[in-house]
Amino acid sequence: MANVDGTWAVAVKTPMGDQKSDLTISSEGSTFKGTMSGAMGTNDVNGQVDGDTLTWSMDITSPMPMTLNNKATVDGDTMTGTVNAGAFGDMPLSGTRKV
């Protein structure tokens, strides 16, 4: 299982431009808890860890209410993946471990 814990500088390429946030993860076995904080606010996240893959859902209210389904693969101090925003489709996600 990959070491996924820490704070990650994450960027998601959205139709409104790059959305940057800090994703803080604390894993325990096959699950993790944390927060995602950025210009649009802070959200609690709860997800699953499967080897080097993280999956989590997050409900947001800004710029409009929707559920974001996230999937990322961790490789050392980098992560890459996608965020599915329903009707808006998949958007690329990338991140670098800060701490």
PDB file of N, CA and C in Angstrom:
ATOM      1  N   MET A   1       0.841  -1.185   0.000  1.00  0.00           N
ATOM      2  CA  MET A   1       0.000   0.000   0.000  1.00  0.00           C
ATOM      3  C   MET A   1       0.888   1.250   0.000  1.00  0.00           C
ATOM      4  N   ALA A   2       0.546   2.182  -0.829  1.00  0.00           N
ATOM      5  CA  ALA A   2       1.324   3.423  -0.952  1.00  0.00           C
ATOM      6  C   ALA A   2       1.142   4.304   0.281  1.00  0.00           C
ATOM      7  N   ASN A   3       2.152   5.104   0.578  1.00  0.00           N
ATOM      8  CA  ASN A   3       2.041   6.104   1.634  1.00  0.00           C
ATOM      9  C   ASN A   3       1.302   7.301   1.050  1.00  0.00           C
ATOM     10  N   VAL A   4       0.063   7.508   1.492  1.00  0.00           N
ATOM     11  CA  VAL A   4      -0.771   8.580   0.942  1.00  0.00           C
ATOM     12  C   VAL A   4      -0.941   9.741   1.916  1.00  0.00           C
ATOM     13  N   ASP A   5      -0.476   9.569   3.162  1.00  0.00           N
ATOM     14  CA  ASP A   5      -0.684  10.582   4.194  1.00  0.00           C
ATOM     15  C   ASP A   5       0.110  11.849   3.917  1.00  0.00           C
ATOM     16  N   GLY A   6      -0.443  12.968   4.381  1.00  0.00           N
ATOM     17  CA  GLY A   6       0.248  14.242   4.259  1.00  0.00           C
ATOM     18  C   GLY A   6      -0.664  15.305   3.699  1.00  0.00           C
ATOM     19  N   THR A   7      -0.064  16.430   3.356  1.00  0.00           N
ATOM     20  CA  THR A   7      -0.784  17.527   2.718  1.00  0.00           C
ATOM     21  C   THR A   7      -0.298  17.640   1.283  1.00  0.00           C
ATOM     22  N   TRP A   8      -1.244  17.668   0.381  1.00  0.00           N
ATOM     23  CA  TRP A   8      -0.974  17.685  -1.051  1.00  0.00           C
ATOM     24  C   TRP A   8      -1.445  19.005  -1.659  1.00  0.00           C
ATOM     25  N   ALA A   9      -0.624  19.617  -2.491  1.00  0.00           N
ATOM     26  CA  ALA A   9      -1.032  20.781  -3.291  1.00  0.00           C
ATOM     27  C   ALA A   9      -1.669  20.211  -4.554  1.00  0.00           C
ATOM     28  N   VAL A  10      -2.981  20.395  -4.686  1.00  0.00           N
ATOM     29  CA  VAL A  10      -3.750  19.777  -5.763  1.00  0.00           C
ATOM     30  C   VAL A  10      -4.285  20.851  -6.705  1.00  0.00           C
ATOM     31  N   ALA A  11      -4.258  20.549  -7.997  1.00  0.00           N
ATOM     32  CA  ALA A  11      -4.853  21.435  -9.006  1.00  0.00           C
ATOM     33  C   ALA A  11      -5.791  20.606  -9.880  1.00  0.00           C
ATOM     34  N   VAL A  12      -6.982  21.146 -10.115  1.00  0.00           N
ATOM     35  CA  VAL A  12      -7.960  20.514 -10.999  1.00  0.00           C
ATOM     36  C   VAL A  12      -8.216  21.475 -12.153  1.00  0.00           C
ATOM     37  N   LYS A  13      -8.071  20.969 -13.382  1.00  0.00           N
ATOM     38  CA  LYS A  13      -8.311  21.797 -14.570  1.00  0.00           C
ATOM     39  C   LYS A  13      -9.818  21.799 -14.849  1.00  0.00           C
ATOM     40  N   THR A  14     -10.471  22.944 -14.580  1.00  0.00           N
ATOM     41  CA  THR A  14     -11.920  23.055 -14.740  1.00  0.00           C
ATOM     42  C   THR A  14     -12.251  24.041 -15.860  1.00  0.00           C
ATOM     43  N   PRO A  15     -13.513  24.056 -16.294  1.00  0.00           N
ATOM     44  CA  PRO A  15     -13.907  25.057 -17.294  1.00  0.00           C
ATOM     45  C   PRO A  15     -13.713  26.493 -16.788  1.00  0.00           C
ATOM     46  N   MET A  16     -13.615  26.677 -15.452  1.00  0.00           N
ATOM     47  CA  MET A  16     -13.419  28.011 -14.866  1.00  0.00           C
ATOM     48  C   MET A  16     -11.937  28.273 -14.600  1.00  0.00           C
ATOM     49  N   GLY A  17     -11.057  27.463 -15.163  1.00  0.00           N
ATOM     50  CA  GLY A  17      -9.629  27.610 -14.925  1.00  0.00           C
ATOM     51  C   GLY A  17      -9.158  26.639 -13.851  1.00  0.00           C
ATOM     52  N   ASP A  18      -7.862  26.644 -13.583  1.00  0.00           N
ATOM     53  CA  ASP A  18      -7.300  25.748 -12.581  1.00  0.00           C
ATOM     54  C   ASP A  18      -7.825  26.106 -11.196  1.00  0.00           C
ATOM     55  N   GLN A  19      -8.355  25.109 -10.495  1.00  0.00           N
ATOM     56  CA  GLN A  19      -8.807  25.271  -9.118  1.00  0.00           C
ATOM     57  C   GLN A  19      -7.764  24.612  -8.220  1.00  0.00           C
ATOM     58  N   LYS A  20      -7.085  25.414  -7.407  1.00  0.00           N
ATOM     59  CA  LYS A  20      -6.022  24.905  -6.554  1.00  0.00           C
ATOM     60  C   LYS A  20      -6.515  24.769  -5.127  1.00  0.00           C
ATOM     61  N   SER A  21      -6.068  23.700  -4.464  1.00  0.00           N
ATOM     62  CA  SER A  21      -6.464  23.473  -3.084  1.00  0.00           C
ATOM     63  C   SER A  21      -5.415  22.623  -2.391  1.00  0.00           C
ATOM     64  N   ASP A  22      -5.521  22.571  -1.066  1.00  0.00           N
ATOM     65  CA  ASP A  22      -4.689  21.687  -0.266  1.00  0.00           C
ATOM     66  C   ASP A  22      -5.549  20.532   0.201  1.00  0.00           C
ATOM     67  N   LEU A  23      -5.098  19.319  -0.090  1.00  0.00           N
ATOM     68  CA  LEU A  23      -5.775  18.096   0.332  1.00  0.00           C
ATOM     69  C   LEU A  23      -4.942  17.471   1.437  1.00  0.00           C
ATOM     70  N   THR A  24      -5.510  17.391   2.643  1.00  0.00           N
ATOM     71  CA  THR A  24      -4.818  16.782   3.771  1.00  0.00           C
ATOM     72  C   THR A  24      -5.430  15.416   4.032  1.00  0.00           C
ATOM     73  N   ILE A  25      -4.565  14.391   4.062  1.00  0.00           N
ATOM     74  CA  ILE A  25      -5.017  13.001   4.162  1.00  0.00           C
ATOM     75  C   ILE A  25      -4.391  12.326   5.373  1.00  0.00           C
ATOM     76  N   SER A  26      -5.222  11.585   6.104  1.00  0.00           N
ATOM     77  CA  SER A  26      -4.752  10.718   7.178  1.00  0.00           C
ATOM     78  C   SER A  26      -5.423   9.361   6.978  1.00  0.00           C
ATOM     79  N   SER A  27      -4.625   8.366   6.591  1.00  0.00           N
ATOM     80  CA  SER A  27      -5.196   7.060   6.271  1.00  0.00           C
ATOM     81  C   SER A  27      -5.126   6.114   7.461  1.00  0.00           C
ATOM     82  N   GLU A  28      -6.054   5.174   7.444  1.00  0.00           N
ATOM     83  CA  GLU A  28      -6.071   4.106   8.436  1.00  0.00           C
ATOM     84  C   GLU A  28      -6.567   2.861   7.720  1.00  0.00           C
ATOM     85  N   GLY A  29      -5.629   1.965   7.391  1.00  0.00           N
ATOM     86  CA  GLY A  29      -5.996   0.767   6.643  1.00  0.00           C
ATOM     87  C   GLY A  29      -6.461   1.123   5.249  1.00  0.00           C
ATOM     88  N   SER A  30      -7.691   0.701   4.915  1.00  0.00           N
ATOM     89  CA  SER A  30      -8.197   0.919   3.554  1.00  0.00           C
ATOM     90  C   SER A  30      -9.072   2.160   3.440  1.00  0.00           C
ATOM     91  N   THR A  31      -9.082   3.018   4.481  1.00  0.00           N
ATOM     92  CA  THR A  31      -9.872   4.245   4.425  1.00  0.00           C
ATOM     93  C   THR A  31      -9.003   5.442   4.775  1.00  0.00           C
ATOM     94  N   PHE A  32      -9.495   6.639   4.439  1.00  0.00           N
ATOM     95  CA  PHE A  32      -8.804   7.856   4.861  1.00  0.00           C
ATOM     96  C   PHE A  32      -9.820   8.945   5.168  1.00  0.00           C
ATOM     97  N   LYS A  33      -9.378   9.888   5.985  1.00  0.00           N
ATOM     98  CA  LYS A  33     -10.157  11.083   6.303  1.00  0.00           C
ATOM     99  C   LYS A  33      -9.270  12.279   6.041  1.00  0.00           C
ATOM    100  N   GLY A  34      -9.891  13.430   5.838  1.00  0.00           N
ATOM    101  CA  GLY A  34      -9.103  14.636   5.653  1.00  0.00           C
ATOM    102  C   GLY A  34      -9.962  15.817   5.277  1.00  0.00           C
ATOM    103  N   THR A  35      -9.290  16.842   4.743  1.00  0.00           N
ATOM    104  CA  THR A  35      -9.979  18.048   4.291  1.00  0.00           C
ATOM    105  C   THR A  35      -9.392  18.496   2.966  1.00  0.00           C
ATOM    106  N   MET A  36     -10.213  19.191   2.201  1.00  0.00           N
ATOM    107  CA  MET A  36      -9.772  19.815   0.958  1.00  0.00           C
ATOM    108  C   MET A  36     -10.124  21.285   1.080  1.00  0.00           C
ATOM    109  N   SER A  37      -9.095  22.150   1.109  1.00  0.00           N
ATOM    110  CA  SER A  37      -9.292  23.586   1.328  1.00  0.00           C
ATOM    111  C   SER A  37      -8.758  24.383   0.151  1.00  0.00           C
ATOM    112  N   GLY A  38      -9.598  25.284  -0.366  1.00  0.00           N
ATOM    113  CA  GLY A  38      -9.176  26.133  -1.472  1.00  0.00           C
ATOM    114  C   GLY A  38     -10.024  27.386  -1.529  1.00  0.00           C
ATOM    115  N   ALA A  39      -9.970  28.060  -2.662  1.00  0.00           N
ATOM    116  CA  ALA A  39     -10.689  29.322  -2.841  1.00  0.00           C
ATOM    117  C   ALA A  39     -12.200  29.156  -2.701  1.00  0.00           C
ATOM    118  N   MET A  40     -12.705  27.962  -2.978  1.00  0.00           N
ATOM    119  CA  MET A  40     -14.149  27.709  -2.909  1.00  0.00           C
ATOM    120  C   MET A  40     -14.592  27.256  -1.520  1.00  0.00           C
ATOM    121  N   GLY A  41     -13.656  27.210  -0.546  1.00  0.00           N
ATOM    122  CA  GLY A  41     -14.015  26.806   0.809  1.00  0.00           C
ATOM    123  C   GLY A  41     -13.310  25.529   1.224  1.00  0.00           C
ATOM    124  N   THR A  42     -13.734  24.994   2.368  1.00  0.00           N
ATOM    125  CA  THR A  42     -13.141  23.770   2.919  1.00  0.00           C
ATOM    126  C   THR A  42     -14.204  22.699   3.017  1.00  0.00           C
ATOM    127  N   ASN A  43     -13.853  21.490   2.574  1.00  0.00           N
ATOM    128  CA  ASN A  43     -14.761  20.353   2.641  1.00  0.00           C
ATOM    129  C   ASN A  43     -14.071  19.195   3.353  1.00  0.00           C
ATOM    130  N   ASP A  44     -14.826  18.494   4.208  1.00  0.00           N
ATOM    131  CA  ASP A  44     -14.324  17.254   4.785  1.00  0.00           C
ATOM    132  C   ASP A  44     -14.387  16.180   3.709  1.00  0.00           C
ATOM    133  N   VAL A  45     -13.389  15.302   3.706  1.00  0.00           N
ATOM    134  CA  VAL A  45     -13.383  14.195   2.758  1.00  0.00           C
ATOM    135  C   VAL A  45     -13.176  12.886   3.507  1.00  0.00           C
ATOM    136  N   ASN A  46     -13.868  11.864   3.050  1.00  0.00           N
ATOM    137  CA  ASN A  46     -13.720  10.501   3.541  1.00  0.00           C
ATOM    138  C   ASN A  46     -13.628   9.623   2.317  1.00  0.00           C
ATOM    139  N   GLY A  47     -12.609   8.775   2.270  1.00  0.00           N
ATOM    140  CA  GLY A  47     -12.441   7.976   1.068  1.00  0.00           C
ATOM    141  C   GLY A  47     -11.821   6.626   1.333  1.00  0.00           C
ATOM    142  N   GLN A  48     -11.509   5.960   0.236  1.00  0.00           N
ATOM    143  CA  GLN A  48     -10.926   4.629   0.276  1.00  0.00           C
ATOM    144  C   GLN A  48      -9.519   4.658  -0.308  1.00  0.00           C
ATOM    145  N   VAL A  49      -8.675   3.758   0.228  1.00  0.00           N
ATOM    146  CA  VAL A  49      -7.331   3.553  -0.286  1.00  0.00           C
ATOM    147  C   VAL A  49      -7.270   2.110  -0.764  1.00  0.00           C
ATOM    148  N   ASP A  50      -6.892   1.914  -2.027  1.00  0.00           N
ATOM    149  CA  ASP A  50      -6.741   0.573  -2.589  1.00  0.00           C
ATOM    150  C   ASP A  50      -5.379   0.526  -3.264  1.00  0.00           C
ATOM    151  N   GLY A  51      -4.361   0.044  -2.523  1.00  0.00           N
ATOM    152  CA  GLY A  51      -2.998   0.038  -3.052  1.00  0.00           C
ATOM    153  C   GLY A  51      -2.503   1.463  -3.184  1.00  0.00           C
ATOM    154  N   ASP A  52      -2.283   1.922  -4.425  1.00  0.00           N
ATOM    155  CA  ASP A  52      -1.823   3.293  -4.648  1.00  0.00           C
ATOM    156  C   ASP A  52      -2.930   4.193  -5.188  1.00  0.00           C
ATOM    157  N   THR A  53      -4.204   3.732  -5.096  1.00  0.00           N
ATOM    158  CA  THR A  53      -5.334   4.482  -5.642  1.00  0.00           C
ATOM    159  C   THR A  53      -6.236   5.002  -4.528  1.00  0.00           C
ATOM    160  N   LEU A  54      -6.554   6.292  -4.618  1.00  0.00           N
ATOM    161  CA  LEU A  54      -7.481   6.940  -3.695  1.00  0.00           C
ATOM    162  C   LEU A  54      -8.785   7.226  -4.428  1.00  0.00           C
ATOM    163  N   THR A  55      -9.915   7.000  -3.761  1.00  0.00           N
ATOM    164  CA  THR A  55     -11.214   7.400  -4.299  1.00  0.00           C
ATOM    165  C   THR A  55     -11.998   8.093  -3.193  1.00  0.00           C
ATOM    166  N   TRP A  56     -12.672   9.192  -3.559  1.00  0.00           N
ATOM    167  CA  TRP A  56     -13.513   9.891  -2.598  1.00  0.00           C
ATOM    168  C   TRP A  56     -14.539  10.737  -3.326  1.00  0.00           C
ATOM    169  N   SER A  57     -15.649  11.001  -2.645  1.00  0.00           N
ATOM    170  CA  SER A  57     -16.694  11.890  -3.155  1.00  0.00           C
ATOM    171  C   SER A  57     -16.752  13.107  -2.252  1.00  0.00           C
ATOM    172  N   MET A  58     -17.166  14.216  -2.847  1.00  0.00           N
ATOM    173  CA  MET A  58     -17.212  15.460  -2.097  1.00  0.00           C
ATOM    174  C   MET A  58     -18.397  16.285  -2.604  1.00  0.00           C
ATOM    175  N   ASP A  59     -19.239  16.722  -1.688  1.00  0.00           N
ATOM    176  CA  ASP A  59     -20.362  17.591  -2.043  1.00  0.00           C
ATOM    177  C   ASP A  59     -19.907  19.044  -1.929  1.00  0.00           C
ATOM    178  N   ILE A  60     -20.134  19.807  -2.988  1.00  0.00           N
ATOM    179  CA  ILE A  60     -19.783  21.231  -2.962  1.00  0.00           C
ATOM    180  C   ILE A  60     -21.044  22.061  -3.186  1.00  0.00           C
ATOM    181  N   THR A  61     -20.974  23.327  -2.797  1.00  0.00           N
ATOM    182  CA  THR A  61     -22.107  24.230  -3.000  1.00  0.00           C
ATOM    183  C   THR A  61     -21.754  25.398  -3.912  1.00  0.00           C
ATOM    184  N   SER A  62     -20.429  25.627  -4.124  1.00  0.00           N
ATOM    185  CA  SER A  62     -19.996  26.754  -4.946  1.00  0.00           C
ATOM    186  C   SER A  62     -19.092  26.226  -6.053  1.00  0.00           C
ATOM    187  N   PRO A  63     -19.266  26.607  -7.301  1.00  0.00           N
ATOM    188  CA  PRO A  63     -20.153  27.653  -7.792  1.00  0.00           C
ATOM    189  C   PRO A  63     -21.608  27.211  -7.903  1.00  0.00           C
ATOM    190  N   MET A  64     -21.870  25.894  -7.779  1.00  0.00           N
ATOM    191  CA  MET A  64     -23.241  25.378  -7.782  1.00  0.00           C
ATOM    192  C   MET A  64     -23.219  24.055  -7.038  1.00  0.00           C
ATOM    193  N   PRO A  65     -24.348  23.657  -6.447  1.00  0.00           N
ATOM    194  CA  PRO A  65     -24.370  22.385  -5.718  1.00  0.00           C
ATOM    195  C   PRO A  65     -24.151  21.200  -6.654  1.00  0.00           C
ATOM    196  N   MET A  66     -23.189  20.351  -6.299  1.00  0.00           N
ATOM    197  CA  MET A  66     -22.960  19.112  -7.051  1.00  0.00           C
ATOM    198  C   MET A  66     -22.056  18.196  -6.240  1.00  0.00           C
ATOM    199  N   THR A  67     -22.029  16.935  -6.643  1.00  0.00           N
ATOM    200  CA  THR A  67     -21.143  15.955  -6.025  1.00  0.00           C
ATOM    201  C   THR A  67     -19.989  15.705  -6.972  1.00  0.00           C
ATOM    202  N   LEU A  68     -18.767  15.810  -6.447  1.00  0.00           N
ATOM    203  CA  LEU A  68     -17.561  15.530  -7.226  1.00  0.00           C
ATOM    204  C   LEU A  68     -17.050  14.155  -6.832  1.00  0.00           C
ATOM    205  N   ASN A  69     -16.843  13.296  -7.823  1.00  0.00           N
ATOM    206  CA  ASN A  69     -16.289  11.968  -7.584  1.00  0.00           C
ATOM    207  C   ASN A  69     -14.838  11.969  -8.048  1.00  0.00           C
ATOM    208  N   ASN A  70     -13.935  11.735  -7.102  1.00  0.00           N
ATOM    209  CA  ASN A  70     -12.497  11.859  -7.341  1.00  0.00           C
ATOM    210  C   ASN A  70     -11.817  10.500  -7.332  1.00  0.00           C
ATOM    211  N   LYS A  71     -10.827  10.355  -8.211  1.00  0.00           N
ATOM    212  CA  LYS A  71      -9.997   9.150  -8.241  1.00  0.00           C
ATOM    213  C   LYS A  71      -8.583   9.587  -8.592  1.00  0.00           C
ATOM    214  N   ALA A  72      -7.613   9.193  -7.757  1.00  0.00           N
ATOM    215  CA  ALA A  72      -6.229   9.598  -7.994  1.00  0.00           C
ATOM    216  C   ALA A  72      -5.297   8.442  -7.666  1.00  0.00           C
ATOM    217  N   THR A  73      -4.188   8.385  -8.411  1.00  0.00           N
ATOM    218  CA  THR A  73      -3.145   7.389  -8.175  1.00  0.00           C
ATOM    219  C   THR A  73      -1.924   8.102  -7.615  1.00  0.00           C
ATOM    220  N   VAL A  74      -1.414   7.567  -6.490  1.00  0.00           N
ATOM    221  CA  VAL A  74      -0.241   8.137  -5.835  1.00  0.00           C
ATOM    222  C   VAL A  74       1.003   7.401  -6.301  1.00  0.00           C
ATOM    223  N   ASP A  75       2.026   8.179  -6.683  1.00  0.00           N
ATOM    224  CA  ASP A  75       3.327   7.628  -7.078  1.00  0.00           C
ATOM    225  C   ASP A  75       4.393   8.460  -6.376  1.00  0.00           C
ATOM    226  N   GLY A  76       4.848   7.970  -5.207  1.00  0.00           N
ATOM    227  CA  GLY A  76       5.831   8.734  -4.439  1.00  0.00           C
ATOM    228  C   GLY A  76       5.218  10.003  -3.910  1.00  0.00           C
ATOM    229  N   ASP A  77       5.741  11.159  -4.351  1.00  0.00           N
ATOM    230  CA  ASP A  77       5.238  12.456  -3.887  1.00  0.00           C
ATOM    231  C   ASP A  77       4.388  13.166  -4.931  1.00  0.00           C
ATOM    232  N   THR A  78       3.828  12.413  -5.890  1.00  0.00           N
ATOM    233  CA  THR A  78       2.922  12.996  -6.878  1.00  0.00           C
ATOM    234  C   THR A  78       1.634  12.176  -6.949  1.00  0.00           C
ATOM    235  N   MET A  79       0.565  12.830  -7.358  1.00  0.00           N
ATOM    236  CA  MET A  79      -0.690  12.123  -7.626  1.00  0.00           C
ATOM    237  C   MET A  79      -1.284  12.664  -8.912  1.00  0.00           C
ATOM    238  N   THR A  80      -1.932  11.776  -9.650  1.00  0.00           N
ATOM    239  CA  THR A  80      -2.631  12.152 -10.873  1.00  0.00           C
ATOM    240  C   THR A  80      -3.967  11.428 -10.880  1.00  0.00           C
ATOM    241  N   GLY A  81      -4.963  12.059 -11.480  1.00  0.00           N
ATOM    242  CA  GLY A  81      -6.261  11.417 -11.534  1.00  0.00           C
ATOM    243  C   GLY A  81      -7.288  12.274 -12.216  1.00  0.00           C
ATOM    244  N   THR A  82      -8.560  12.018 -11.872  1.00  0.00           N
ATOM    245  CA  THR A  82      -9.671  12.742 -12.473  1.00  0.00           C
ATOM    246  C   THR A  82     -10.705  13.091 -11.409  1.00  0.00           C
ATOM    247  N   VAL A  83     -11.436  14.144 -11.703  1.00  0.00           N
ATOM    248  CA  VAL A  83     -12.589  14.539 -10.909  1.00  0.00           C
ATOM    249  C   VAL A  83     -13.781  14.503 -11.850  1.00  0.00           C
ATOM    250  N   ASN A  84     -14.795  13.700 -11.499  1.00  0.00           N
ATOM    251  CA  ASN A  84     -16.001  13.656 -12.313  1.00  0.00           C
ATOM    252  C   ASN A  84     -17.020  14.605 -11.707  1.00  0.00           C
ATOM    253  N   ALA A  85     -17.465  15.560 -12.509  1.00  0.00           N
ATOM    254  CA  ALA A  85     -18.417  16.577 -12.059  1.00  0.00           C
ATOM    255  C   ALA A  85     -19.755  16.403 -12.762  1.00  0.00           C
ATOM    256  N   GLY A  86     -20.260  15.187 -12.777  1.00  0.00           N
ATOM    257  CA  GLY A  86     -21.572  14.911 -13.350  1.00  0.00           C
ATOM    258  C   GLY A  86     -21.669  15.328 -14.803  1.00  0.00           C
ATOM    259  N   ALA A  87     -22.619  16.225 -15.110  1.00  0.00           N
ATOM    260  CA  ALA A  87     -22.862  16.670 -16.479  1.00  0.00           C
ATOM    261  C   ALA A  87     -21.660  17.380 -17.084  1.00  0.00           C
ATOM    262  N   PHE A  88     -20.731  17.876 -16.247  1.00  0.00           N
ATOM    263  CA  PHE A  88     -19.545  18.566 -16.750  1.00  0.00           C
ATOM    264  C   PHE A  88     -18.426  17.599 -17.128  1.00  0.00           C
ATOM    265  N   GLY A  89     -18.616  16.306 -16.832  1.00  0.00           N
ATOM    266  CA  GLY A  89     -17.649  15.293 -17.232  1.00  0.00           C
ATOM    267  C   GLY A  89     -16.422  15.231 -16.342  1.00  0.00           C
ATOM    268  N   ASP A  90     -15.377  14.567 -16.865  1.00  0.00           N
ATOM    269  CA  ASP A  90     -14.134  14.365 -16.121  1.00  0.00           C
ATOM    270  C   ASP A  90     -13.172  15.528 -16.339  1.00  0.00           C
ATOM    271  N   MET A  91     -12.503  15.925 -15.241  1.00  0.00           N
ATOM    272  CA  MET A  91     -11.509  16.986 -15.297  1.00  0.00           C
ATOM    273  C   MET A  91     -10.206  16.436 -14.703  1.00  0.00           C
ATOM    274  N   PRO A  92      -9.054  16.743 -15.304  1.00  0.00           N
ATOM    275  CA  PRO A  92      -7.774  16.229 -14.796  1.00  0.00           C
ATOM    276  C   PRO A  92      -7.404  16.815 -13.443  1.00  0.00           C
ATOM    277  N   LEU A  93      -6.866  15.955 -12.578  1.00  0.00           N
ATOM    278  CA  LEU A  93      -6.382  16.350 -11.256  1.00  0.00           C
ATOM    279  C   LEU A  93      -4.909  15.994 -11.158  1.00  0.00           C
ATOM    280  N   SER A  94      -4.112  16.884 -10.575  1.00  0.00           N
ATOM    281  CA  SER A  94      -2.698  16.564 -10.315  1.00  0.00           C
ATOM    282  C   SER A  94      -2.331  17.140  -8.961  1.00  0.00           C
ATOM    283  N   GLY A  95      -1.357  16.529  -8.319  1.00  0.00           N
ATOM    284  CA  GLY A  95      -0.965  16.999  -6.997  1.00  0.00           C
ATOM    285  C   GLY A  95       0.465  16.638  -6.655  1.00  0.00           C
ATOM    286  N   THR A  96       1.025  17.413  -5.730  1.00  0.00           N
ATOM    287  CA  THR A  96       2.385  17.197  -5.227  1.00  0.00           C
ATOM    288  C   THR A  96       2.330  17.248  -3.709  1.00  0.00           C
ATOM    289  N   ARG A  97       2.994  16.281  -3.058  1.00  0.00           N
ATOM    290  CA  ARG A  97       3.002  16.264  -1.598  1.00  0.00           C
ATOM    291  C   ARG A  97       3.821  17.444  -1.075  1.00  0.00           C
ATOM    292  N   LYS A  98       3.216  18.220  -0.143  1.00  0.00           N
ATOM    293  CA  LYS A  98       3.884  19.371   0.457  1.00  0.00           C
ATOM    294  C   LYS A  98       4.566  18.969   1.761  1.00  0.00           C
ATOM    295  N   VAL A  99       3.892  18.138   2.555  1.00  0.00           N
ATOM    296  CA  VAL A  99       4.395  17.733   3.862  1.00  0.00           C
ATOM    297  C   VAL A  99       4.228  16.238   3.998  1.00  0.00           C
TER     298      VAL A  99
END
